[in-house]
Amino acid sequence: MKNRLKEGSLIVFDKGANTTDNLKIIQKAEMEYLTAMKLNTSDDKIIEKYDLERAELIDSSSSDLL
């Protein structure tokens, strides 16, 4: 795949492809990547405590993302 990408390309993949082996391959090839982390049960506990009433807008220029 690396041969088909332009220099400086950013690889974007989903949580399912976010494995230790894939990250090692990408890093060894000195490529940049963007992905999401898989959630686990400890993340569920944090999410349960999230209170929308106390949410705070940090950057108004990105308010269209909310």
N, C-alpha and C. Protein backbone atom coordinates (compact mmCIF):
# COMPACT_ATOMS: atom_id res chain seq x y z
N MET A 1 0.82 -1.18 0.00
CA MET A 1 0.00 0.00 0.00
C MET A 1 0.87 1.26 0.00
N LYS A 2 1.98 1.22 0.72
CA LYS A 2 2.84 2.39 0.86
C LYS A 2 3.28 2.92 -0.51
N ASN A 3 3.54 2.04 -1.45
CA ASN A 3 3.99 2.44 -2.78
C ASN A 3 2.93 3.23 -3.54
N ARG A 4 1.68 3.10 -3.16
CA ARG A 4 0.60 3.79 -3.86
C ARG A 4 0.28 5.15 -3.26
N LEU A 5 0.84 5.46 -2.08
CA LEU A 5 0.56 6.73 -1.41
C LEU A 5 1.61 7.77 -1.76
N LYS A 6 1.18 9.01 -1.82
CA LYS A 6 2.11 10.11 -2.04
C LYS A 6 2.87 10.39 -0.75
N GLU A 7 4.08 10.90 -0.87
CA GLU A 7 4.86 11.25 0.30
C GLU A 7 4.09 12.29 1.12
N GLY A 8 4.05 12.10 2.41
CA GLY A 8 3.33 13.01 3.29
C GLY A 8 1.86 12.68 3.45
N SER A 9 1.40 11.58 2.85
CA SER A 9 0.00 11.19 2.98
C SER A 9 -0.32 10.83 4.42
N LEU A 10 -1.56 11.05 4.80
CA LEU A 10 -2.04 10.70 6.14
C LEU A 10 -2.96 9.49 6.00
N ILE A 11 -2.65 8.43 6.73
CA ILE A 11 -3.47 7.23 6.70
C ILE A 11 -4.55 7.38 7.78
N VAL A 12 -5.80 7.20 7.38
CA VAL A 12 -6.92 7.31 8.32
C VAL A 12 -7.64 5.97 8.30
N PHE A 13 -7.83 5.39 9.50
CA PHE A 13 -8.53 4.12 9.55
C PHE A 13 -9.40 4.04 10.80
N ASP A 14 -10.35 3.10 10.78
CA ASP A 14 -11.31 3.00 11.87
C ASP A 14 -10.76 2.19 13.04
N LYS A 15 -11.55 2.09 14.09
CA LYS A 15 -11.13 1.41 15.32
C LYS A 15 -10.80 -0.06 15.07
N GLY A 16 -11.50 -0.68 14.16
CA GLY A 16 -11.28 -2.10 13.89
C GLY A 16 -9.88 -2.39 13.38
N ALA A 17 -9.28 -1.46 12.68
CA ALA A 17 -7.93 -1.64 12.15
C ALA A 17 -6.86 -1.13 13.11
N ASN A 18 -7.28 -0.56 14.24
CA ASN A 18 -6.34 -0.01 15.21
C ASN A 18 -5.79 -1.15 16.08
N THR A 19 -4.78 -1.83 15.54
CA THR A 19 -4.14 -2.92 16.27
C THR A 19 -2.67 -2.61 16.45
N THR A 20 -2.06 -3.26 17.40
CA THR A 20 -0.63 -3.06 17.65
C THR A 20 0.18 -3.39 16.41
N ASP A 21 -0.16 -4.48 15.74
CA ASP A 21 0.59 -4.87 14.53
C ASP A 21 0.48 -3.82 13.43
N ASN A 22 -0.73 -3.32 13.18
CA ASN A 22 -0.90 -2.30 12.14
C ASN A 22 -0.15 -1.03 12.48
N LEU A 23 -0.19 -0.61 13.74
CA LEU A 23 0.52 0.61 14.13
C LEU A 23 2.03 0.45 13.98
N LYS A 24 2.54 -0.72 14.30
CA LYS A 24 3.98 -0.97 14.13
C LYS A 24 4.38 -0.88 12.66
N ILE A 25 3.56 -1.44 11.79
CA ILE A 25 3.84 -1.39 10.35
C ILE A 25 3.86 0.05 9.85
N ILE A 26 2.87 0.82 10.25
CA ILE A 26 2.76 2.22 9.82
C ILE A 26 3.93 3.04 10.36
N GLN A 27 4.26 2.84 11.62
CA GLN A 27 5.37 3.59 12.21
C GLN A 27 6.70 3.20 11.60
N LYS A 28 6.90 1.92 11.33
CA LYS A 28 8.13 1.46 10.69
C LYS A 28 8.29 2.09 9.31
N ALA A 29 7.19 2.29 8.62
CA ALA A 29 7.21 2.92 7.29
C ALA A 29 7.31 4.44 7.39
N GLU A 30 7.35 4.96 8.62
CA GLU A 30 7.45 6.40 8.87
C GLU A 30 6.30 7.18 8.24
N MET A 31 5.10 6.60 8.32
CA MET A 31 3.91 7.23 7.80
C MET A 31 3.14 7.86 8.96
N GLU A 32 2.34 8.88 8.66
CA GLU A 32 1.48 9.52 9.65
C GLU A 32 0.12 8.84 9.60
N TYR A 33 -0.57 8.78 10.75
CA TYR A 33 -1.87 8.12 10.78
C TYR A 33 -2.82 8.82 11.74
N LEU A 34 -4.09 8.57 11.54
CA LEU A 34 -5.15 9.08 12.41
C LEU A 34 -6.16 7.95 12.59
N THR A 35 -6.50 7.68 13.83
CA THR A 35 -7.47 6.64 14.11
C THR A 35 -8.15 6.95 15.44
N ALA A 36 -9.05 6.10 15.84
CA ALA A 36 -9.72 6.24 17.14
C ALA A 36 -9.34 5.04 17.99
N MET A 37 -9.36 5.24 19.28
CA MET A 37 -9.07 4.14 20.20
C MET A 37 -10.33 3.32 20.45
N LYS A 38 -10.14 2.04 20.63
CA LYS A 38 -11.25 1.18 21.02
C LYS A 38 -11.60 1.49 22.47
N LEU A 39 -12.88 1.56 22.76
CA LEU A 39 -13.33 1.81 24.12
C LEU A 39 -13.36 0.51 24.91
N ASN A 40 -13.15 0.62 26.21
CA ASN A 40 -13.25 -0.55 27.08
C ASN A 40 -14.16 -0.21 28.25
N THR A 41 -14.32 -1.12 29.19
CA THR A 41 -15.27 -0.91 30.28
C THR A 41 -14.91 0.28 31.16
N SER A 42 -13.63 0.58 31.32
CA SER A 42 -13.28 1.75 32.13
C SER A 42 -13.70 3.03 31.42
N ASP A 43 -13.69 3.04 30.09
CA ASP A 43 -14.18 4.20 29.34
C ASP A 43 -15.68 4.37 29.53
N ASP A 44 -16.40 3.26 29.59
CA ASP A 44 -17.85 3.31 29.81
C ASP A 44 -18.19 4.04 31.10
N LYS A 45 -17.41 3.80 32.15
CA LYS A 45 -17.65 4.45 33.44
C LYS A 45 -17.45 5.96 33.33
N ILE A 46 -16.46 6.39 32.58
CA ILE A 46 -16.20 7.82 32.38
C ILE A 46 -17.35 8.45 31.59
N ILE A 47 -17.78 7.77 30.54
CA ILE A 47 -18.86 8.29 29.69
C ILE A 47 -20.16 8.41 30.46
N GLU A 48 -20.44 7.43 31.34
CA GLU A 48 -21.66 7.48 32.15
C GLU A 48 -21.71 8.72 33.03
N LYS A 49 -20.56 9.20 33.48
CA LYS A 49 -20.50 10.35 34.37
C LYS A 49 -20.54 11.69 33.63
N TYR A 50 -20.46 11.65 32.29
CA TYR A 50 -20.45 12.89 31.51
C TYR A 50 -21.78 13.61 31.65
N ASP A 51 -21.73 14.87 32.00
CA ASP A 51 -22.93 15.66 32.25
C ASP A 51 -23.04 16.76 31.19
N LEU A 52 -24.02 16.63 30.30
CA LEU A 52 -24.20 17.63 29.23
C LEU A 52 -24.48 19.02 29.78
N GLU A 53 -25.11 19.09 30.94
CA GLU A 53 -25.42 20.38 31.56
C GLU A 53 -24.15 21.13 31.96
N ARG A 54 -23.09 20.40 32.23
CA ARG A 54 -21.84 21.02 32.65
C ARG A 54 -20.83 21.13 31.50
N ALA A 55 -21.22 20.72 30.30
CA ALA A 55 -20.33 20.79 29.15
C ALA A 55 -19.93 22.24 28.89
N GLU A 56 -18.71 22.44 28.48
CA GLU A 56 -18.18 23.79 28.29
C GLU A 56 -17.59 23.93 26.89
N LEU A 57 -18.01 24.96 26.15
CA LEU A 57 -17.46 25.21 24.83
C LEU A 57 -16.09 25.86 24.98
N ILE A 58 -15.07 25.23 24.43
CA ILE A 58 -13.69 25.71 24.57
C ILE A 58 -13.30 26.62 23.41
N ASP A 59 -13.75 26.28 22.20
CA ASP A 59 -13.36 27.03 21.01
C ASP A 59 -14.61 27.35 20.19
N SER A 60 -15.06 28.60 20.24
CA SER A 60 -16.31 28.96 19.56
C SER A 60 -16.20 28.86 18.05
N SER A 61 -14.98 28.88 17.49
CA SER A 61 -14.83 28.79 16.03
C SER A 61 -15.18 27.39 15.54
N SER A 62 -15.23 26.42 16.42
CA SER A 62 -15.58 25.06 16.02
C SER A 62 -16.96 24.66 16.53
N SER A 63 -17.78 25.65 16.90
CA SER A 63 -19.10 25.37 17.46
C SER A 63 -20.02 24.66 16.47
N ASP A 64 -19.75 24.75 15.18
CA ASP A 64 -20.59 24.06 14.21
C ASP A 64 -20.42 22.55 14.28
N LEU A 65 -19.41 22.08 15.01
CA LEU A 65 -19.19 20.65 15.16
C LEU A 65 -20.03 20.06 16.28
N LEU A 66 -20.64 20.89 17.10
CA LEU A 66 -21.40 20.39 18.25
C LEU A 66 -22.79 19.95 17.86
